[in-house]
C-alpha atoms as a PDB file:
ATOM      1  CA  MET A   1     -27.462  10.038   1.865  1.00  0.00           C
ATOM      2  CA  ILE A   2     -31.259  10.671   2.838  1.00  0.00           C
ATOM      3  CA  ILE A   3     -32.427   8.687  -0.314  1.00  0.00           C
ATOM      4  CA  ALA A   4     -29.931   5.966   0.221  1.00  0.00           C
ATOM      5  CA  LEU A   5     -31.169   5.689   4.086  1.00  0.00           C
ATOM      6  CA  CYS A   6     -34.755   5.452   2.578  1.00  0.00           C
ATOM      7  CA  LEU A   7     -34.081   2.763   0.139  1.00  0.00           C
ATOM      8  CA  PHE A   8     -32.550   0.931   2.643  1.00  0.00           C
ATOM      9  CA  LEU A   9     -35.551   1.074   4.943  1.00  0.00           C
ATOM     10  CA  LEU A  10     -37.672  -0.071   2.524  1.00  0.00           C
ATOM     11  CA  GLY A  11     -35.258  -3.254   1.776  1.00  0.00           C
ATOM     12  CA  ALA A  12     -33.948  -1.649  -1.578  1.00  0.00           C
ATOM     13  CA  GLN A  13     -30.584  -0.404  -0.479  1.00  0.00           C
ATOM     14  CA  GLU A  14     -28.185  -0.094  -3.664  1.00  0.00           C
ATOM     15  CA  SER A  15     -25.402  -2.530  -3.663  1.00  0.00           C
ATOM     16  CA  TYR A  16     -21.797  -2.312  -5.608  1.00  0.00           C
ATOM     17  CA  VAL A  17     -19.208  -4.639  -6.048  1.00  0.00           C
ATOM     18  CA  LEU A  18     -15.275  -3.696  -6.742  1.00  0.00           C
ATOM     19  CA  HIS A  19     -13.537  -6.156  -8.890  1.00  0.00           C
ATOM     20  CA  ASN A  20     -10.071  -6.422 -10.032  1.00  0.00           C
ATOM     21  CA  PRO A  21      -9.849  -3.849 -12.953  1.00  0.00           C
ATOM     22  CA  GLY A  22      -8.908  -5.099 -16.672  1.00  0.00           C
ATOM     23  CA  TYR A  23      -5.661  -3.802 -16.373  1.00  0.00           C
ATOM     24  CA  ASN A  24      -2.952  -5.087 -13.603  1.00  0.00           C
ATOM     25  CA  PRO A  25      -1.973  -2.183 -11.338  1.00  0.00           C
ATOM     26  CA  GLY A  26       0.045  -2.664  -8.533  1.00  0.00           C
ATOM     27  CA  MET A  27      -1.259  -3.515  -4.817  1.00  0.00           C
ATOM     28  CA  PHE A  28      -1.486  -0.380  -3.421  1.00  0.00           C
ATOM     29  CA  SER A  29      -2.992   1.404  -6.525  1.00  0.00           C
ATOM     30  CA  LEU A  30      -5.687  -1.041  -6.136  1.00  0.00           C
ATOM     31  CA  PHE A  31      -5.577  -0.451  -2.370  1.00  0.00           C
ATOM     32  CA  SER A  32      -6.317   3.281  -2.916  1.00  0.00           C
ATOM     33  CA  SER A  33      -9.122   2.407  -5.011  1.00  0.00           C
ATOM     34  CA  VAL A  34     -10.630  -0.115  -2.036  1.00  0.00           C
ATOM     35  CA  LEU A  35     -10.276   3.064   0.346  1.00  0.00           C
ATOM     36  CA  GLY A  36     -11.792   5.377  -2.044  1.00  0.00           C
ATOM     37  CA  PHE A  37     -14.679   2.683  -2.540  1.00  0.00           C
ATOM     38  CA  LEU A  38     -15.190   2.648   1.337  1.00  0.00           C
ATOM     39  CA  ASP A  39     -15.577   6.376   1.312  1.00  0.00           C
ATOM     40  CA  PHE A  40     -17.942   6.031  -1.475  1.00  0.00           C
ATOM     41  CA  HIS A  41     -19.953   3.560   0.748  1.00  0.00           C
ATOM     42  CA  GLU A  42     -20.487   6.166   3.482  1.00  0.00           C
ATOM     43  CA  GLU A  43     -21.350   9.116   1.141  1.00  0.00           C
ATOM     44  CA  LYS A  44     -24.028   6.847  -0.648  1.00  0.00           C
ATOM     45  CA  GLY A  45     -25.206   4.702   2.356  1.00  0.00           C
ATOM     46  CA  CYS A  46     -25.162   1.476   0.065  1.00  0.00           C
ATOM     47  CA  ALA A  47     -23.608  -1.912   0.478  1.00  0.00           C
ATOM     48  CA  VAL A  48     -20.298  -2.652  -0.847  1.00  0.00           C
ATOM     49  CA  GLU A  49     -18.293  -5.867  -1.464  1.00  0.00           C
ATOM     50  CA  VAL A  50     -14.466  -6.187  -2.390  1.00  0.00           C
ATOM     51  CA  ASP A  51     -14.504  -9.411  -4.682  1.00  0.00           C
ATOM     52  CA  PHE A  52     -11.071  -9.463  -7.024  1.00  0.00           C
ATOM     53  CA  GLY A  53     -12.066 -13.021  -7.762  1.00  0.00           C
ATOM     54  CA  LYS A  54      -9.402 -15.046  -9.912  1.00  0.00           C
ATOM     55  CA  LYS A  55      -7.881 -11.906 -11.806  1.00  0.00           C
ATOM     56  CA  GLY A  56      -5.052 -10.019 -11.047  1.00  0.00           C
ATOM     57  CA  VAL A  57      -1.315 -10.350 -10.471  1.00  0.00           C
ATOM     58  CA  TYR A  58      -1.729 -11.529  -7.071  1.00  0.00           C
ATOM     59  CA  TYR A  59      -4.121 -14.144  -7.831  1.00  0.00           C
ATOM     60  CA  ASP A  60      -2.752 -17.665  -6.448  1.00  0.00           C
ATOM     61  CA  LYS A  61      -5.175 -20.504  -7.110  1.00  0.00           C
ATOM     62  CA  LYS A  62      -3.550 -22.498  -4.163  1.00  0.00           C
ATOM     63  CA  LYS A  63      -4.996 -19.709  -2.006  1.00  0.00           C
ATOM     64  CA  GLY A  64      -8.593 -19.570  -3.672  1.00  0.00           C
ATOM     65  CA  PRO A  65     -10.488 -16.598  -5.410  1.00  0.00           C
ATOM     66  CA  ASN A  66     -10.605 -13.319  -4.216  1.00  0.00           C
ATOM     67  CA  TRP A  67      -6.904 -12.313  -3.484  1.00  0.00           C
ATOM     68  CA  TRP A  68      -7.973  -9.321  -1.051  1.00  0.00           C
ATOM     69  CA  ASN A  69      -8.738 -11.730   1.636  1.00  0.00           C
ATOM     70  CA  TYR A  70      -5.217 -13.337   1.219  1.00  0.00           C
ATOM     71  CA  TYR A  71      -3.950 -10.096   2.994  1.00  0.00           C
ATOM     72  CA  PHE A  72      -6.907  -8.452   4.654  1.00  0.00           C
ATOM     73  CA  GLU A  73     -10.195  -9.560   6.430  1.00  0.00           C
ATOM     74  CA  PRO A  74     -13.012  -9.500   3.828  1.00  0.00           C
ATOM     75  CA  ILE A  75     -14.862  -6.353   3.154  1.00  0.00           C
ATOM     76  CA  ALA A  76     -18.840  -7.074   2.594  1.00  0.00           C
ATOM     77  CA  LEU A  77     -20.614  -4.251   3.947  1.00  0.00           C
ATOM     78  CA  GLY A  78     -24.640  -4.368   3.921  1.00  0.00           C
ATOM     79  CA  ASP A  79     -26.809  -6.880   1.971  1.00  0.00           C
ATOM     80  CA  VAL A  80     -25.148  -6.818  -1.278  1.00  0.00           C
ATOM     81  CA  GLY A  81     -26.949  -9.373  -3.221  1.00  0.00           C
ATOM     82  CA  LYS A  82     -26.911  -8.417  -7.135  1.00  0.00           C
ATOM     83  CA  ALA A  83     -24.608  -5.745  -6.738  1.00  0.00           C
ATOM     84  CA  ILE A  84     -23.958  -3.042  -9.864  1.00  0.00           C
ATOM     85  CA  GLU A  85     -19.875  -3.386 -10.864  1.00  0.00           C
ATOM     86  CA  ILE A  86     -17.624  -0.419 -10.248  1.00  0.00           C
ATOM     87  CA  THR A  87     -16.151   0.440 -13.411  1.00  0.00           C
ATOM     88  CA  ASP A  88     -12.503   0.588 -14.105  1.00  0.00           C
ATOM     89  CA  GLU A  89     -12.996   4.488 -14.597  1.00  0.00           C
ATOM     90  CA  GLN A  90     -14.645   4.686 -11.354  1.00  0.00           C
ATOM     91  CA  GLN A  91     -11.653   2.753  -9.363  1.00  0.00           C
ATOM     92  CA  SER A  92      -9.258   5.307 -10.956  1.00  0.00           C
ATOM     93  CA  SER A  93     -11.374   8.153  -9.418  1.00  0.00           C
ATOM     94  CA  PHE A  94     -11.717   6.742  -6.339  1.00  0.00           C
ATOM     95  CA  ALA A  95      -7.899   6.335  -5.799  1.00  0.00           C
ATOM     96  CA  ASN A  96      -7.618   9.942  -7.222  1.00  0.00           C
ATOM     97  CA  LYS A  97      -9.988  11.318  -4.681  1.00  0.00           C
ATOM     98  CA  ILE A  98      -7.921   9.244  -1.999  1.00  0.00           C
ATOM     99  CA  HIS A  99      -4.702  11.060  -3.025  1.00  0.00           C
ATOM    100  CA  SER A 100      -5.441  14.498  -3.780  1.00  0.00           C
ATOM    101  CA  GLN A 101      -8.706  15.263  -2.132  1.00  0.00           C
ATOM    102  CA  MET A 102      -8.718  13.923   1.265  1.00  0.00           C
ATOM    103  CA  SER A 103      -6.334  14.610   4.199  1.00  0.00           C
ATOM    104  CA  ARG A 104      -4.188  11.563   5.500  1.00  0.00           C
ATOM    105  CA  LYS A 105      -6.193  11.876   8.581  1.00  0.00           C
ATOM    106  CA  GLU A 106      -9.399  11.553   6.852  1.00  0.00           C
ATOM    107  CA  VAL A 107      -8.152   8.730   4.854  1.00  0.00           C
ATOM    108  CA  HIS A 108      -6.547   7.141   8.299  1.00  0.00           C
ATOM    109  CA  ARG A 109      -9.667   7.290   9.685  1.00  0.00           C
ATOM    110  CA  LEU A 110     -11.154   4.866   6.701  1.00  0.00           C
ATOM    111  CA  ILE A 111      -8.283   2.547   7.337  1.00  0.00           C
ATOM    112  CA  GLU A 112      -8.978   2.176  11.200  1.00  0.00           C
ATOM    113  CA  ASN A 113     -12.673   1.714  10.558  1.00  0.00           C
ATOM    114  CA  TYR A 114     -12.773  -0.985   7.940  1.00  0.00           C
ATOM    115  CA  ILE A 115      -9.110  -2.291   7.000  1.00  0.00           C
ATOM    116  CA  ARG A 116      -7.800  -5.374   9.156  1.00  0.00           C
ATOM    117  CA  ILE A 117      -4.511  -7.216   8.069  1.00  0.00           C
ATOM    118  CA  LYS A 118      -4.396 -11.037   8.378  1.00  0.00           C
ATOM    119  CA  LYS A 119      -3.246 -11.633  11.650  1.00  0.00           C
ATOM    120  CA  PRO A 120      -0.112 -14.094  10.096  1.00  0.00           C
ATOM    121  CA  ILE A 121       1.215 -10.946   8.116  1.00  0.00           C
ATOM    122  CA  GLN A 122       0.795  -8.613  11.191  1.00  0.00           C
ATOM    123  CA  ALA A 123       2.764 -11.002  13.629  1.00  0.00           C
ATOM    124  CA  LYS A 124       5.726 -10.825  10.582  1.00  0.00           C
ATOM    125  CA  ILE A 125       5.482  -7.246  10.979  1.00  0.00           C
ATOM    126  CA  GLU A 126       5.752  -6.798  14.854  1.00  0.00           C
ATOM    127  CA  ALA A 127       8.493  -9.259  15.112  1.00  0.00           C
ATOM    128  CA  PHE A 128      10.425  -7.391  12.397  1.00  0.00           C
ATOM    129  CA  ILE A 129       9.801  -4.276  14.482  1.00  0.00           C
ATOM    130  CA  LEU A 130      11.125  -5.992  17.688  1.00  0.00           C
ATOM    131  CA  GLN A 131      14.057  -7.295  16.130  1.00  0.00           C
ATOM    132  CA  HIS A 132      15.148  -4.251  14.211  1.00  0.00           C
ATOM    133  CA  PHE A 133      13.707  -0.924  15.019  1.00  0.00           C
ATOM    134  CA  LYS A 134      13.728  -1.062  18.899  1.00  0.00           C
ATOM    135  CA  ASP A 135      16.050   1.255  20.615  1.00  0.00           C
ATOM    136  CA  HIS A 136      17.048   3.285  17.093  1.00  0.00           C
ATOM    137  CA  PHE A 137      15.893   5.954  15.115  1.00  0.00           C
ATOM    138  CA  VAL A 138      14.592   4.551  11.933  1.00  0.00           C
ATOM    139  CA  ILE A 139      14.672   6.468   8.577  1.00  0.00           C
ATOM    140  CA  GLY A 140      12.611   4.683   6.525  1.00  0.00           C
ATOM    141  CA  ILE A 141      13.435   4.839   2.599  1.00  0.00           C
ATOM    142  CA  HIS A 142      11.263   3.931  -0.182  1.00  0.00           C
ATOM    143  CA  TYR A 143      12.853   3.827  -3.537  1.00  0.00           C
ATOM    144  CA  ARG A 144      10.390   2.740  -6.551  1.00  0.00           C
ATOM    145  CA  GLY A 145      12.864   2.090  -9.329  1.00  0.00           C
ATOM    146  CA  THR A 146      12.286  -0.213 -12.683  1.00  0.00           C
ATOM    147  CA  ASP A 147       9.565   0.905 -14.697  1.00  0.00           C
ATOM    148  CA  LYS A 148       8.462   3.829 -12.643  1.00  0.00           C
ATOM    149  CA  ILE A 149      10.654   6.239 -15.044  1.00  0.00           C
ATOM    150  CA  SER A 150       7.266   5.822 -17.109  1.00  0.00           C
ATOM    151  CA  GLU A 151       5.138   7.727 -14.867  1.00  0.00           C
ATOM    152  CA  ALA A 152       7.738   9.995 -12.966  1.00  0.00           C
ATOM    153  CA  ALA A 153      10.975  11.345 -13.386  1.00  0.00           C
ATOM    154  CA  ARG A 154      13.892   8.830 -11.911  1.00  0.00           C
ATOM    155  CA  VAL A 155      15.673   9.804  -8.755  1.00  0.00           C
ATOM    156  CA  ASP A 156      19.023   9.716  -8.737  1.00  0.00           C
ATOM    157  CA  TYR A 157      20.587   7.726  -5.674  1.00  0.00           C
ATOM    158  CA  GLU A 158      22.770  10.672  -4.517  1.00  0.00           C
ATOM    159  CA  ALA A 159      19.477  12.776  -3.882  1.00  0.00           C
ATOM    160  CA  VAL A 160      18.503  10.131  -1.604  1.00  0.00           C
ATOM    161  CA  TYR A 161      21.806  10.137   0.302  1.00  0.00           C
ATOM    162  CA  GLN A 162      21.489  13.976   0.724  1.00  0.00           C
ATOM    163  CA  GLU A 163      18.174  13.486   2.406  1.00  0.00           C
ATOM    164  CA  ILE A 164      19.590  10.770   4.937  1.00  0.00           C
ATOM    165  CA  GLU A 165      22.847  13.048   5.617  1.00  0.00           C
ATOM    166  CA  LYS A 166      20.373  16.027   6.588  1.00  0.00           C
ATOM    167  CA  ALA A 167      18.072  13.259   9.100  1.00  0.00           C
ATOM    168  CA  ILE A 168      21.203  11.666  10.746  1.00  0.00           C
ATOM    169  CA  ASP A 169      22.968  14.924  11.596  1.00  0.00           C
ATOM    170  CA  GLU A 170      22.654  14.409  15.210  1.00  0.00           C
ATOM    171  CA  LYS A 171      21.265  11.225  15.229  1.00  0.00           C
ATOM    172  CA  LYS A 172      24.315   8.459  16.219  1.00  0.00           C
ATOM    173  CA  GLU A 173      21.935   5.402  16.729  1.00  0.00           C
ATOM    174  CA  PHE A 174      20.353   5.275  13.417  1.00  0.00           C
ATOM    175  CA  LYS A 175      19.155   2.704  10.786  1.00  0.00           C
ATOM    176  CA  LEU A 176      17.676   2.881   7.329  1.00  0.00           C
ATOM    177  CA  PHE A 177      14.855   0.939   6.641  1.00  0.00           C
ATOM    178  CA  VAL A 178      15.011   0.382   3.075  1.00  0.00           C
ATOM    179  CA  ALA A 179      12.114  -1.065   0.639  1.00  0.00           C
ATOM    180  CA  THR A 180      12.545  -0.921  -2.896  1.00  0.00           C
ATOM    181  CA  ASP A 181      11.829  -3.102  -5.719  1.00  0.00           C
ATOM    182  CA  GLU A 182      15.161  -2.296  -7.550  1.00  0.00           C
ATOM    183  CA  GLN A 183      18.155  -4.629  -6.221  1.00  0.00           C
ATOM    184  CA  PRO A 184      21.078  -2.079  -7.403  1.00  0.00           C
ATOM    185  CA  PHE A 185      19.742   0.395  -5.323  1.00  0.00           C
ATOM    186  CA  LEU A 186      19.633  -2.094  -2.196  1.00  0.00           C
ATOM    187  CA  ASP A 187      23.325  -2.931  -2.977  1.00  0.00           C
ATOM    188  CA  ALA A 188      24.312   0.486  -3.499  1.00  0.00           C
ATOM    189  CA  ILE A 189      22.823   2.093  -0.275  1.00  0.00           C
ATOM    190  CA  SER A 190      24.388  -0.755   1.834  1.00  0.00           C
ATOM    191  CA  LEU A 191      27.711  -0.139   0.433  1.00  0.00           C
ATOM    192  CA  ARG A 192      27.127   3.787   1.212  1.00  0.00           C
ATOM    193  CA  TYR A 193      25.879   3.037   5.032  1.00  0.00           C
ATOM    194  CA  PRO A 194      27.545  -0.323   6.028  1.00  0.00           C
ATOM    195  CA  GLY A 195      25.815  -2.003   8.708  1.00  0.00           C
ATOM    196  CA  LYS A 196      23.080   0.310   9.046  1.00  0.00           C
ATOM    197  CA  VAL A 197      20.883  -1.034   6.332  1.00  0.00           C
ATOM    198  CA  ILE A 198      17.780  -3.357   6.987  1.00  0.00           C
ATOM    199  CA  SER A 199      15.308  -4.677   4.819  1.00  0.00           C
ATOM    200  CA  ILE A 200      13.089  -7.667   4.290  1.00  0.00           C
ATOM    201  CA  GLU A 201      13.836 -10.702   2.219  1.00  0.00           C
ATOM    202  CA  ALA A 202      11.978 -10.042  -1.105  1.00  0.00           C
ATOM    203  CA  ILE A 203      11.534 -10.269  -4.693  1.00  0.00           C
ATOM    204  CA  ARG A 204      13.372  -7.599  -6.057  1.00  0.00           C
ATOM    205  CA  SER A 205      14.379  -6.875 -10.010  1.00  0.00           C
ATOM    206  CA  SER A 206      17.881  -6.016 -11.446  1.00  0.00           C
ATOM    207  CA  SER A 207      16.280  -4.881 -14.733  1.00  0.00           C
ATOM    208  CA  SER A 208      13.522  -2.302 -15.713  1.00  0.00           C
ATOM    209  CA  LYS A 209      10.650  -4.719 -15.604  1.00  0.00           C
ATOM    210  CA  ALA A 210       8.516  -3.951 -12.282  1.00  0.00           C
ATOM    211  CA  VAL A 211       8.218  -6.790  -9.832  1.00  0.00           C
ATOM    212  CA  HIS A 212       4.500  -6.780  -9.735  1.00  0.00           C
ATOM    213  CA  ALA A 213       4.184  -7.160 -13.502  1.00  0.00           C
ATOM    214  CA  SER A 214       5.168 -10.851 -13.377  1.00  0.00           C
ATOM    215  CA  ARG A 215       2.695 -13.550 -12.846  1.00  0.00           C
ATOM    216  CA  LYS A 216       5.098 -15.601 -10.982  1.00  0.00           C
ATOM    217  CA  ASN A 217       4.687 -15.560  -7.128  1.00  0.00           C
ATOM    218  CA  GLY A 218       1.773 -13.965  -6.986  1.00  0.00           C
ATOM    219  CA  TYR A 219       0.938 -14.011  -2.965  1.00  0.00           C
ATOM    220  CA  GLN A 220       4.554 -13.783  -1.940  1.00  0.00           C
ATOM    221  CA  LYS A 221       4.784 -10.196  -3.785  1.00  0.00           C
ATOM    222  CA  GLY A 222       1.704  -9.248  -2.055  1.00  0.00           C
ATOM    223  CA  GLU A 223       2.537  -9.933   1.259  1.00  0.00           C
ATOM    224  CA  GLU A 224       5.853  -8.735   0.899  1.00  0.00           C
ATOM    225  CA  ALA A 225       4.505  -5.226  -0.644  1.00  0.00           C
ATOM    226  CA  LEU A 226       2.281  -5.101   2.116  1.00  0.00           C
ATOM    227  CA  ILE A 227       5.102  -5.827   4.854  1.00  0.00           C
ATOM    228  CA  ASP A 228       6.934  -2.996   3.547  1.00  0.00           C
ATOM    229  CA  CYS A 229       4.170  -0.660   3.378  1.00  0.00           C
ATOM    230  CA  ILE A 230       3.310  -0.908   7.070  1.00  0.00           C
ATOM    231  CA  LEU A 231       7.187  -1.084   8.355  1.00  0.00           C
ATOM    232  CA  LEU A 232       7.647   2.243   6.680  1.00  0.00           C
ATOM    233  CA  SER A 233       4.580   3.615   8.455  1.00  0.00           C
ATOM    234  CA  LYS A 234       6.368   2.892  11.953  1.00  0.00           C
ATOM    235  CA  THR A 235       9.619   4.228  10.993  1.00  0.00           C
ATOM    236  CA  ASN A 236      10.548   7.718  12.471  1.00  0.00           C
ATOM    237  CA  LEU A 237      11.009   9.771   9.125  1.00  0.00           C
ATOM    238  CA  LEU A 238      10.115   8.796   5.694  1.00  0.00           C
ATOM    239  CA  ILE A 239      11.861   9.849   2.416  1.00  0.00           C
ATOM    240  CA  ARG A 240      10.267   8.406  -0.451  1.00  0.00           C
ATOM    241  CA  THR A 241      10.111   8.809  -4.350  1.00  0.00           C
ATOM    242  CA  SER A 242       6.670   8.494  -6.283  1.00  0.00           C
ATOM    243  CA  SER A 243       4.748   5.414  -5.372  1.00  0.00           C
ATOM    244  CA  ASN A 244       1.560   4.539  -4.279  1.00  0.00           C
ATOM    245  CA  LEU A 245       2.868   1.838  -1.702  1.00  0.00           C
ATOM    246  CA  SER A 246       4.799   4.593   0.299  1.00  0.00           C
ATOM    247  CA  ALA A 247       2.050   7.114  -0.051  1.00  0.00           C
ATOM    248  CA  CYS A 248      -0.227   4.487   1.604  1.00  0.00           C
ATOM    249  CA  SER A 249       2.293   4.117   4.561  1.00  0.00           C
ATOM    250  CA  ALA A 250       1.544   7.754   5.086  1.00  0.00           C
ATOM    251  CA  PHE A 251      -2.219   6.823   5.479  1.00  0.00           C
ATOM    252  CA  PHE A 252      -1.240   4.155   8.181  1.00  0.00           C
ATOM    253  CA  ASN A 253       0.496   6.845  10.092  1.00  0.00           C
ATOM    254  CA  PRO A 254      -1.120  10.594   9.736  1.00  0.00           C
ATOM    255  CA  ASP A 255       1.386  11.904  11.951  1.00  0.00           C
ATOM    256  CA  LEU A 256       4.636  10.507   9.977  1.00  0.00           C
ATOM    257  CA  THR A 257       6.979  13.135   8.458  1.00  0.00           C
ATOM    258  CA  VAL A 258       7.456  12.351   5.023  1.00  0.00           C
ATOM    259  CA  ILE A 259      10.016  13.580   2.470  1.00  0.00           C
ATOM    260  CA  VAL A 260       8.975  13.211  -1.186  1.00  0.00           C
ATOM    261  CA  LEU A 261      11.750  13.123  -3.652  1.00  0.00           C
END
């Protein structure tokens, strides 16, 4: 930190840029890398910029380069100038640190200090909450299906229902906010709890192919993922399967009770 400060005072501040990696991870895998990049910025006292350029599954040429700026206010801290590119390996290490070495409150502080969701998206989130969450005990359910089985054991639908039953034992006025990439899960839980399930209109898959893997509907997929993430963070209880999306929901609300299946 002292060395970085001296370089800054001498006009030679180190600078780094975070690009979209060579592979194509989902939004919240990259979001985690951005948070780790911001932690790196604070530790080194360096200038940083997030610039995803014209790459990645969320890029939409109609909306211009750097898809990060479609959803969030730009991140450019300090005099970036000729910046050093962060490698894919460094990006992975940034994300790993966020999820395995830092507390939810520490990560939440990074979000509060640097992350600003674009106002039109925030307005959609607030309108949904006002319409659907008010005066209810809302249980957030995130079921990451489709291709996730390649990374984590598939969770049986019944295991989700069992946790819901525990949570609603004495909660009469409840709703289930369901975020999922798997259409069959949404269909099944809607039949199990008729009139109780709410969800956003979103692109979902009825096969084993991940929604984010497609090159189609780039912007829409990103917006839907972000809205789901923030809405999950606004619930009273979160029941989730293995996923960066719902793990990041807990960062937005470090006091949220979370049950991981």
